[in-house]
Amino acid sequence: MAAKKKEDNQEEKKLTVEEAFMQIESKIQALDSDEISLEDSFKEYQEGMKLLKYCHEAIEEVEQKVQKIAEDGSLEEFE
């Protein structure tokens, strides 16, 4: 199970934030469908939450980099 989680994280890391948001949009559309089963909707929801977490972490990382640059005096703090 740990190997699968590591594999999932590596796959997500290959995505850009924009690609992850596109996949999230796709999952939202699938969840809006009247044709989706309960099991499939749960799977789509879980995958969407993983993608949202990935996006949040990626954005946080960029914010930290900008703040570090700001500490050097070259840019103002990112808000």
C-alpha atoms as a PDB file:
ATOM      1  CA  MET A   1       0.000   0.000   0.000  1.00  0.00           C
ATOM      2  CA  ALA A   2       2.856   2.401   0.773  1.00  0.00           C
ATOM      3  CA  ALA A   3       4.322   1.718  -2.666  1.00  0.00           C
ATOM      4  CA  LYS A   4       1.045   2.704  -4.340  1.00  0.00           C
ATOM      5  CA  LYS A   5       0.867   5.972  -2.379  1.00  0.00           C
ATOM      6  CA  LYS A   6       4.451   6.802  -3.379  1.00  0.00           C
ATOM      7  CA  GLU A   7       3.594   5.986  -7.004  1.00  0.00           C
ATOM      8  CA  ASP A   8       0.494   8.238  -6.852  1.00  0.00           C
ATOM      9  CA  ASN A   9       2.572  11.101  -5.426  1.00  0.00           C
ATOM     10  CA  GLN A  10       5.187  10.734  -8.170  1.00  0.00           C
ATOM     11  CA  GLU A  11       2.462  10.755 -10.823  1.00  0.00           C
ATOM     12  CA  GLU A  12       0.912  13.903  -9.337  1.00  0.00           C
ATOM     13  CA  LYS A  13       4.307  15.636  -9.147  1.00  0.00           C
ATOM     14  CA  LYS A  14       4.620  15.317 -12.922  1.00  0.00           C
ATOM     15  CA  LEU A  15       1.473  17.431 -13.356  1.00  0.00           C
ATOM     16  CA  THR A  16       1.475  21.173 -13.619  1.00  0.00           C
ATOM     17  CA  VAL A  17      -1.000  22.978 -11.409  1.00  0.00           C
ATOM     18  CA  GLU A  18      -2.994  23.862 -14.519  1.00  0.00           C
ATOM     19  CA  GLU A  19      -3.177  20.202 -15.577  1.00  0.00           C
ATOM     20  CA  ALA A  20      -4.278  19.213 -12.079  1.00  0.00           C
ATOM     21  CA  PHE A  21      -7.039  21.844 -12.162  1.00  0.00           C
ATOM     22  CA  MET A  22      -8.208  20.492 -15.527  1.00  0.00           C
ATOM     23  CA  GLN A  23      -8.395  16.992 -14.037  1.00  0.00           C
ATOM     24  CA  ILE A  24     -10.337  18.365 -11.059  1.00  0.00           C
ATOM     25  CA  GLU A  25     -12.800  19.993 -13.450  1.00  0.00           C
ATOM     26  CA  SER A  26     -13.215  16.655 -15.212  1.00  0.00           C
ATOM     27  CA  LYS A  27     -13.937  14.957 -11.894  1.00  0.00           C
ATOM     28  CA  ILE A  28     -16.511  17.620 -11.009  1.00  0.00           C
ATOM     29  CA  GLN A  29     -18.265  17.010 -14.323  1.00  0.00           C
ATOM     30  CA  ALA A  30     -18.270  13.259 -13.655  1.00  0.00           C
ATOM     31  CA  LEU A  31     -19.768  13.842 -10.208  1.00  0.00           C
ATOM     32  CA  ASP A  32     -22.479  16.046 -11.729  1.00  0.00           C
ATOM     33  CA  SER A  33     -23.540  13.190 -14.004  1.00  0.00           C
ATOM     34  CA  ASP A  34     -26.755  11.363 -13.204  1.00  0.00           C
ATOM     35  CA  GLU A  35     -25.193   8.183 -14.576  1.00  0.00           C
ATOM     36  CA  ILE A  36     -22.387   7.786 -12.005  1.00  0.00           C
ATOM     37  CA  SER A  37     -22.609   5.038  -9.394  1.00  0.00           C
ATOM     38  CA  LEU A  38     -22.040   5.637  -5.707  1.00  0.00           C
ATOM     39  CA  GLU A  39     -18.758   3.717  -5.810  1.00  0.00           C
ATOM     40  CA  ASP A  40     -17.512   5.660  -8.819  1.00  0.00           C
ATOM     41  CA  SER A  41     -18.559   8.975  -7.305  1.00  0.00           C
ATOM     42  CA  PHE A  42     -16.598   8.147  -4.153  1.00  0.00           C
ATOM     43  CA  LYS A  43     -13.545   7.243  -6.256  1.00  0.00           C
ATOM     44  CA  GLU A  44     -13.806  10.496  -8.252  1.00  0.00           C
ATOM     45  CA  TYR A  45     -14.212  12.464  -5.029  1.00  0.00           C
ATOM     46  CA  GLN A  46     -11.112  10.858  -3.460  1.00  0.00           C
ATOM     47  CA  GLU A  47      -8.998  11.475  -6.552  1.00  0.00           C
ATOM     48  CA  GLY A  48     -10.231  15.065  -6.731  1.00  0.00           C
ATOM     49  CA  MET A  49      -9.287  15.677  -3.113  1.00  0.00           C
ATOM     50  CA  LYS A  50      -5.782  14.300  -3.757  1.00  0.00           C
ATOM     51  CA  LEU A  51      -5.440  16.660  -6.706  1.00  0.00           C
ATOM     52  CA  LEU A  52      -6.648  19.609  -4.624  1.00  0.00           C
ATOM     53  CA  LYS A  53      -4.087  18.758  -1.944  1.00  0.00           C
ATOM     54  CA  TYR A  54      -1.369  18.592  -4.609  1.00  0.00           C
ATOM     55  CA  CYS A  55      -2.410  22.008  -5.969  1.00  0.00           C
ATOM     56  CA  HIS A  56      -2.468  23.523  -2.499  1.00  0.00           C
ATOM     57  CA  GLU A  57       1.019  22.202  -1.731  1.00  0.00           C
ATOM     58  CA  ALA A  58       2.391  23.404  -5.068  1.00  0.00           C
ATOM     59  CA  ILE A  59       0.973  26.900  -4.555  1.00  0.00           C
ATOM     60  CA  GLU A  60       2.298  26.999  -0.979  1.00  0.00           C
ATOM     61  CA  GLU A  61       5.759  26.056  -2.273  1.00  0.00           C
ATOM     62  CA  VAL A  62       5.723  28.928  -4.762  1.00  0.00           C
ATOM     63  CA  GLU A  63       4.560  31.354  -2.073  1.00  0.00           C
ATOM     64  CA  GLN A  64       7.429  30.262   0.188  1.00  0.00           C
ATOM     65  CA  LYS A  65       9.925  30.797  -2.619  1.00  0.00           C
ATOM     66  CA  VAL A  66       8.584  34.292  -3.252  1.00  0.00           C
ATOM     67  CA  GLN A  67       8.758  35.103   0.448  1.00  0.00           C
ATOM     68  CA  LYS A  68      12.358  33.875   0.575  1.00  0.00           C
ATOM     69  CA  ILE A  69      13.245  36.131  -2.322  1.00  0.00           C
ATOM     70  CA  ALA A  70      11.536  38.988  -0.460  1.00  0.00           C
ATOM     71  CA  GLU A  71      13.783  38.383   2.563  1.00  0.00           C
ATOM     72  CA  ASP A  72      16.772  39.009   0.299  1.00  0.00           C
ATOM     73  CA  GLY A  73      15.347  42.450  -0.369  1.00  0.00           C
ATOM     74  CA  SER A  74      14.786  41.957  -4.066  1.00  0.00           C
ATOM     75  CA  LEU A  75      10.990  41.693  -3.920  1.00  0.00           C
ATOM     76  CA  GLU A  76       8.198  42.596  -1.517  1.00  0.00           C
ATOM     77  CA  GLU A  77       6.441  39.843   0.416  1.00  0.00           C
ATOM     78  CA  PHE A  78       3.892  37.875  -1.585  1.00  0.00           C
ATOM     79  CA  GLU A  79       0.374  37.968  -0.143  1.00  0.00           C
END
